[in-house]
All heavy atoms as atom14 arrays in JSON, in Angstrom:
{
  "sequence": "SGNPPAACCAGASALASAASNAADKKT",
  "atom14_mask": [
    [1, 1, 1, 1, 1, 1, 0, 0, 0, 0, 0, 0, 0, 0],
    [1, 1, 1, 1, 0, 0, 0, 0, 0, 0, 0, 0, 0, 0],
    [1, 1, 1, 1, 1, 1, 1, 1, 0, 0, 0, 0, 0, 0],
    [1, 1, 1, 1, 1, 1, 1, 0, 0, 0, 0, 0, 0, 0],
    [1, 1, 1, 1, 1, 1, 1, 0, 0, 0, 0, 0, 0, 0],
    [1, 1, 1, 1, 1, 0, 0, 0, 0, 0, 0, 0, 0, 0],
    [1, 1, 1, 1, 1, 0, 0, 0, 0, 0, 0, 0, 0, 0],
    [1, 1, 1, 1, 1, 1, 0, 0, 0, 0, 0, 0, 0, 0],
    [1, 1, 1, 1, 1, 1, 0, 0, 0, 0, 0, 0, 0, 0],
    [1, 1, 1, 1, 1, 0, 0, 0, 0, 0, 0, 0, 0, 0],
    [1, 1, 1, 1, 0, 0, 0, 0, 0, 0, 0, 0, 0, 0],
    [1, 1, 1, 1, 1, 0, 0, 0, 0, 0, 0, 0, 0, 0],
    [1, 1, 1, 1, 1, 1, 0, 0, 0, 0, 0, 0, 0, 0],
    [1, 1, 1, 1, 1, 0, 0, 0, 0, 0, 0, 0, 0, 0],
    [1, 1, 1, 1, 1, 1, 1, 1, 0, 0, 0, 0, 0, 0],
    [1, 1, 1, 1, 1, 0, 0, 0, 0, 0, 0, 0, 0, 0],
    [1, 1, 1, 1, 1, 1, 0, 0, 0, 0, 0, 0, 0, 0],
    [1, 1, 1, 1, 1, 0, 0, 0, 0, 0, 0, 0, 0, 0],
    [1, 1, 1, 1, 1, 0, 0, 0, 0, 0, 0, 0, 0, 0],
    [1, 1, 1, 1, 1, 1, 0, 0, 0, 0, 0, 0, 0, 0],
    [1, 1, 1, 1, 1, 1, 1, 1, 0, 0, 0, 0, 0, 0],
    [1, 1, 1, 1, 1, 0, 0, 0, 0, 0, 0, 0, 0, 0],
    [1, 1, 1, 1, 1, 0, 0, 0, 0, 0, 0, 0, 0, 0],
    [1, 1, 1, 1, 1, 1, 1, 1, 0, 0, 0, 0, 0, 0],
    [1, 1, 1, 1, 1, 1, 1, 1, 1, 0, 0, 0, 0, 0],
    [1, 1, 1, 1, 1, 1, 1, 1, 1, 0, 0, 0, 0, 0],
    [1, 1, 1, 1, 1, 1, 1, 0, 0, 0, 0, 0, 0, 0]
  ],
  "atom14_positions": [
    [[6.95, 126.19, -38.38], [7.28, 124.77, -38.41], [7.84, 124.42, -37.04], [8.25, 125.29, -36.28], [8.31, 124.47, -39.5], [9.5, 125.17, -39.25], [0.0, 0.0, 0.0], [0.0, 0.0, 0.0], [0.0, 0.0, 0.0], [0.0, 0.0, 0.0], [0.0, 0.0, 0.0], [0.0, 0.0, 0.0], [0.0, 0.0, 0.0], [0.0, 0.0, 0.0]],
    [[7.83, 123.15, -36.72], [8.32, 122.74, -35.41], [7.36, 123.14, -34.32], [6.15, 123.2, -34.53], [0.0, 0.0, 0.0], [0.0, 0.0, 0.0], [0.0, 0.0, 0.0], [0.0, 0.0, 0.0], [0.0, 0.0, 0.0], [0.0, 0.0, 0.0], [0.0, 0.0, 0.0], [0.0, 0.0, 0.0], [0.0, 0.0, 0.0], [0.0, 0.0, 0.0]],
    [[7.92, 123.42, -33.17], [7.1, 123.8, -32.02], [6.77, 125.29, -32.05], [7.59, 126.09, -32.49], [7.81, 123.47, -30.71], [7.87, 121.98, -30.47], [6.94, 121.25, -30.82], [8.95, 121.51, -29.87], [0.0, 0.0, 0.0], [0.0, 0.0, 0.0], [0.0, 0.0, 0.0], [0.0, 0.0, 0.0], [0.0, 0.0, 0.0], [0.0, 0.0, 0.0]],
    [[5.58, 125.66, -31.56], [5.22, 127.08, -31.51], [6.11, 127.82, -30.51], [6.64, 127.21, -29.57], [3.77, 127.08, -31.04], [3.4, 125.68, -30.74], [4.53, 124.78, -31.09], [0.0, 0.0, 0.0], [0.0, 0.0, 0.0], [0.0, 0.0, 0.0], [0.0, 0.0, 0.0], [0.0, 0.0, 0.0], [0.0, 0.0, 0.0], [0.0, 0.0, 0.0]],
    [[6.27, 129.13, -30.7], [7.06, 129.92, -29.74], [6.44, 129.88, -28.34], [5.23, 129.73, -28.2], [7.0, 131.34, -30.31], [6.46, 131.23, -31.69], [5.74, 129.94, -31.79], [0.0, 0.0, 0.0], [0.0, 0.0, 0.0], [0.0, 0.0, 0.0], [0.0, 0.0, 0.0], [0.0, 0.0, 0.0], [0.0, 0.0, 0.0], [0.0, 0.0, 0.0]],
    [[7.29, 130.03, -27.35], [6.83, 130.01, -25.96], [5.76, 131.07, -25.7], [4.78, 130.82, -24.99], [8.01, 130.2, -25.01], [0.0, 0.0, 0.0], [0.0, 0.0, 0.0], [0.0, 0.0, 0.0], [0.0, 0.0, 0.0], [0.0, 0.0, 0.0], [0.0, 0.0, 0.0], [0.0, 0.0, 0.0], [0.0, 0.0, 0.0], [0.0, 0.0, 0.0]],
    [[5.92, 132.26, -26.3], [4.94, 133.33, -26.08], [3.58, 132.93, -26.66], [2.53, 133.28, -26.11], [5.42, 134.63, -26.72], [0.0, 0.0, 0.0], [0.0, 0.0, 0.0], [0.0, 0.0, 0.0], [0.0, 0.0, 0.0], [0.0, 0.0, 0.0], [0.0, 0.0, 0.0], [0.0, 0.0, 0.0], [0.0, 0.0, 0.0], [0.0, 0.0, 0.0]],
    [[3.58, 132.21, -27.75], [2.34, 131.73, -28.36], [1.65, 130.75, -27.41], [0.45, 130.87, -27.13], [2.64, 131.06, -29.69], [1.24, 130.16, -30.41], [0.0, 0.0, 0.0], [0.0, 0.0, 0.0], [0.0, 0.0, 0.0], [0.0, 0.0, 0.0], [0.0, 0.0, 0.0], [0.0, 0.0, 0.0], [0.0, 0.0, 0.0], [0.0, 0.0, 0.0]],
    [[2.38, 129.79, -26.89], [1.81, 128.81, -25.97], [1.32, 129.46, -24.69], [0.27, 129.08, -24.15], [2.82, 127.71, -25.66], [3.12, 126.61, -27.07], [0.0, 0.0, 0.0], [0.0, 0.0, 0.0], [0.0, 0.0, 0.0], [0.0, 0.0, 0.0], [0.0, 0.0, 0.0], [0.0, 0.0, 0.0], [0.0, 0.0, 0.0], [0.0, 0.0, 0.0]],
    [[2.06, 130.46, -24.2], [1.62, 131.17, -23.0], [0.3, 131.9, -23.26], [-0.62, 131.87, -22.42], [2.69, 132.16, -22.54], [0.0, 0.0, 0.0], [0.0, 0.0, 0.0], [0.0, 0.0, 0.0], [0.0, 0.0, 0.0], [0.0, 0.0, 0.0], [0.0, 0.0, 0.0], [0.0, 0.0, 0.0], [0.0, 0.0, 0.0], [0.0, 0.0, 0.0]],
    [[0.18, 132.52, -24.42], [-1.06, 133.22, -24.76], [-2.22, 132.26, -24.95], [-3.34, 132.51, -24.49], [0.0, 0.0, 0.0], [0.0, 0.0, 0.0], [0.0, 0.0, 0.0], [0.0, 0.0, 0.0], [0.0, 0.0, 0.0], [0.0, 0.0, 0.0], [0.0, 0.0, 0.0], [0.0, 0.0, 0.0], [0.0, 0.0, 0.0], [0.0, 0.0, 0.0]],
    [[-1.97, 131.14, -25.63], [-3.02, 130.14, -25.84], [-3.48, 129.56, -24.51], [-4.67, 129.32, -24.29], [-2.53, 129.05, -26.77], [0.0, 0.0, 0.0], [0.0, 0.0, 0.0], [0.0, 0.0, 0.0], [0.0, 0.0, 0.0], [0.0, 0.0, 0.0], [0.0, 0.0, 0.0], [0.0, 0.0, 0.0], [0.0, 0.0, 0.0], [0.0, 0.0, 0.0]],
    [[-2.53, 129.35, -23.61], [-2.86, 128.84, -22.28], [-3.69, 129.86, -21.5], [-4.66, 129.5, -20.81], [-1.57, 128.51, -21.52], [-1.86, 128.03, -20.23], [0.0, 0.0, 0.0], [0.0, 0.0, 0.0], [0.0, 0.0, 0.0], [0.0, 0.0, 0.0], [0.0, 0.0, 0.0], [0.0, 0.0, 0.0], [0.0, 0.0, 0.0], [0.0, 0.0, 0.0]],
    [[-3.33, 131.14, -21.61], [-4.1, 132.19, -20.94], [-5.53, 132.23, -21.49], [-6.49, 132.38, -20.73], [-3.42, 133.55, -21.12], [0.0, 0.0, 0.0], [0.0, 0.0, 0.0], [0.0, 0.0, 0.0], [0.0, 0.0, 0.0], [0.0, 0.0, 0.0], [0.0, 0.0, 0.0], [0.0, 0.0, 0.0], [0.0, 0.0, 0.0], [0.0, 0.0, 0.0]],
    [[-5.67, 132.08, -22.79], [-6.99, 132.06, -23.4], [-7.8, 130.86, -22.91], [-8.98, 130.99, -22.57], [-6.88, 132.02, -24.92], [-8.21, 131.86, -25.67], [-9.16, 133.01, -25.37], [-7.96, 131.75, -27.16], [0.0, 0.0, 0.0], [0.0, 0.0, 0.0], [0.0, 0.0, 0.0], [0.0, 0.0, 0.0], [0.0, 0.0, 0.0], [0.0, 0.0, 0.0]],
    [[-7.17, 129.71, -22.85], [-7.87, 128.51, -22.37], [-8.38, 128.7, -20.95], [-9.5, 128.28, -20.64], [-6.93, 127.3, -22.45], [0.0, 0.0, 0.0], [0.0, 0.0, 0.0], [0.0, 0.0, 0.0], [0.0, 0.0, 0.0], [0.0, 0.0, 0.0], [0.0, 0.0, 0.0], [0.0, 0.0, 0.0], [0.0, 0.0, 0.0], [0.0, 0.0, 0.0]],
    [[-7.61, 129.36, -20.12], [-8.03, 129.62, -18.75], [-9.13, 130.66, -18.68], [-10.05, 130.57, -17.86], [-6.84, 130.1, -17.9], [-5.88, 129.09, -17.8], [0.0, 0.0, 0.0], [0.0, 0.0, 0.0], [0.0, 0.0, 0.0], [0.0, 0.0, 0.0], [0.0, 0.0, 0.0], [0.0, 0.0, 0.0], [0.0, 0.0, 0.0], [0.0, 0.0, 0.0]],
    [[-9.04, 131.68, -19.53], [-10.01, 132.78, -19.48], [-11.38, 132.37, -20.02], [-12.4, 132.86, -19.54], [-9.48, 133.97, -20.28], [0.0, 0.0, 0.0], [0.0, 0.0, 0.0], [0.0, 0.0, 0.0], [0.0, 0.0, 0.0], [0.0, 0.0, 0.0], [0.0, 0.0, 0.0], [0.0, 0.0, 0.0], [0.0, 0.0, 0.0], [0.0, 0.0, 0.0]],
    [[-11.42, 131.51, -21.0], [-12.69, 131.09, -21.61], [-13.23, 129.9, -20.84], [-13.18, 128.76, -21.3], [-12.49, 130.76, -23.09], [0.0, 0.0, 0.0], [0.0, 0.0, 0.0], [0.0, 0.0, 0.0], [0.0, 0.0, 0.0], [0.0, 0.0, 0.0], [0.0, 0.0, 0.0], [0.0, 0.0, 0.0], [0.0, 0.0, 0.0], [0.0, 0.0, 0.0]],
    [[-13.77, 130.18, -19.66], [-14.15, 129.1, -18.76], [-15.64, 128.78, -18.75], [-16.03, 127.75, -18.25], [-13.68, 129.43, -17.34], [-14.26, 130.65, -16.93], [0.0, 0.0, 0.0], [0.0, 0.0, 0.0], [0.0, 0.0, 0.0], [0.0, 0.0, 0.0], [0.0, 0.0, 0.0], [0.0, 0.0, 0.0], [0.0, 0.0, 0.0], [0.0, 0.0, 0.0]],
    [[-16.48, 129.67, -19.27], [-17.91, 129.37, -19.28], [-18.43, 129.41, -20.72], [-17.72, 129.81, -21.64], [-18.68, 130.32, -18.37], [-18.57, 131.77, -18.8], [-18.75, 132.1, -19.97], [-18.28, 132.66, -17.86], [0.0, 0.0, 0.0], [0.0, 0.0, 0.0], [0.0, 0.0, 0.0], [0.0, 0.0, 0.0], [0.0, 0.0, 0.0], [0.0, 0.0, 0.0]],
    [[-19.66, 128.99, -20.91], [-20.22, 128.86, -22.26], [-20.22, 130.19, -23.01], [-19.87, 130.24, -24.2], [-21.63, 128.29, -22.19], [0.0, 0.0, 0.0], [0.0, 0.0, 0.0], [0.0, 0.0, 0.0], [0.0, 0.0, 0.0], [0.0, 0.0, 0.0], [0.0, 0.0, 0.0], [0.0, 0.0, 0.0], [0.0, 0.0, 0.0], [0.0, 0.0, 0.0]],
    [[-20.59, 131.26, -22.34], [-20.64, 132.57, -23.0], [-19.25, 133.0, -23.45], [-19.08, 133.51, -24.56], [-21.25, 133.61, -22.08], [0.0, 0.0, 0.0], [0.0, 0.0, 0.0], [0.0, 0.0, 0.0], [0.0, 0.0, 0.0], [0.0, 0.0, 0.0], [0.0, 0.0, 0.0], [0.0, 0.0, 0.0], [0.0, 0.0, 0.0], [0.0, 0.0, 0.0]],
    [[-18.25, 132.81, -22.59], [-16.88, 133.17, -22.95], [-16.37, 132.32, -24.11], [-15.66, 132.81, -24.99], [-15.94, 133.03, -21.75], [-16.13, 134.12, -20.72], [-16.79, 135.14, -21.03], [-15.62, 133.97, -19.6], [0.0, 0.0, 0.0], [0.0, 0.0, 0.0], [0.0, 0.0, 0.0], [0.0, 0.0, 0.0], [0.0, 0.0, 0.0], [0.0, 0.0, 0.0]],
    [[-16.71, 131.05, -24.11], [-16.27, 130.16, -25.19], [-16.89, 130.58, -26.53], [-16.2, 130.58, -27.54], [-16.64, 128.71, -24.87], [-15.81, 128.14, -23.73], [-16.28, 126.77, -23.34], [-15.52, 126.29, -22.11], [-16.0, 125.0, -21.63], [0.0, 0.0, 0.0], [0.0, 0.0, 0.0], [0.0, 0.0, 0.0], [0.0, 0.0, 0.0], [0.0, 0.0, 0.0]],
    [[-18.17, 130.95, -26.51], [-18.82, 131.41, -27.75], [-18.2, 132.71, -28.23], [-17.97, 132.89, -29.43], [-20.32, 131.57, -27.53], [-21.07, 130.26, -27.51], [-22.56, 130.5, -27.43], [-23.31, 129.25, -27.11], [-23.51, 128.35, -28.2], [0.0, 0.0, 0.0], [0.0, 0.0, 0.0], [0.0, 0.0, 0.0], [0.0, 0.0, 0.0], [0.0, 0.0, 0.0]],
    [[-17.92, 133.62, -27.3], [-17.28, 134.89, -27.67], [-15.9, 134.63, -28.26], [-15.56, 135.15, -29.32], [-17.16, 135.82, -26.44], [-18.48, 136.12, -25.97], [-16.44, 137.1, -26.78], [0.0, 0.0, 0.0], [0.0, 0.0, 0.0], [0.0, 0.0, 0.0], [0.0, 0.0, 0.0], [0.0, 0.0, 0.0], [0.0, 0.0, 0.0], [0.0, 0.0, 0.0]]
  ]
}
């Protein structure tokens, strides 16, 4: 509930940066 933990947001942000092309997004 509330805001996600900082470690969660950091990981989600890392994933968003890593999945930069179509193949990575599908994977």
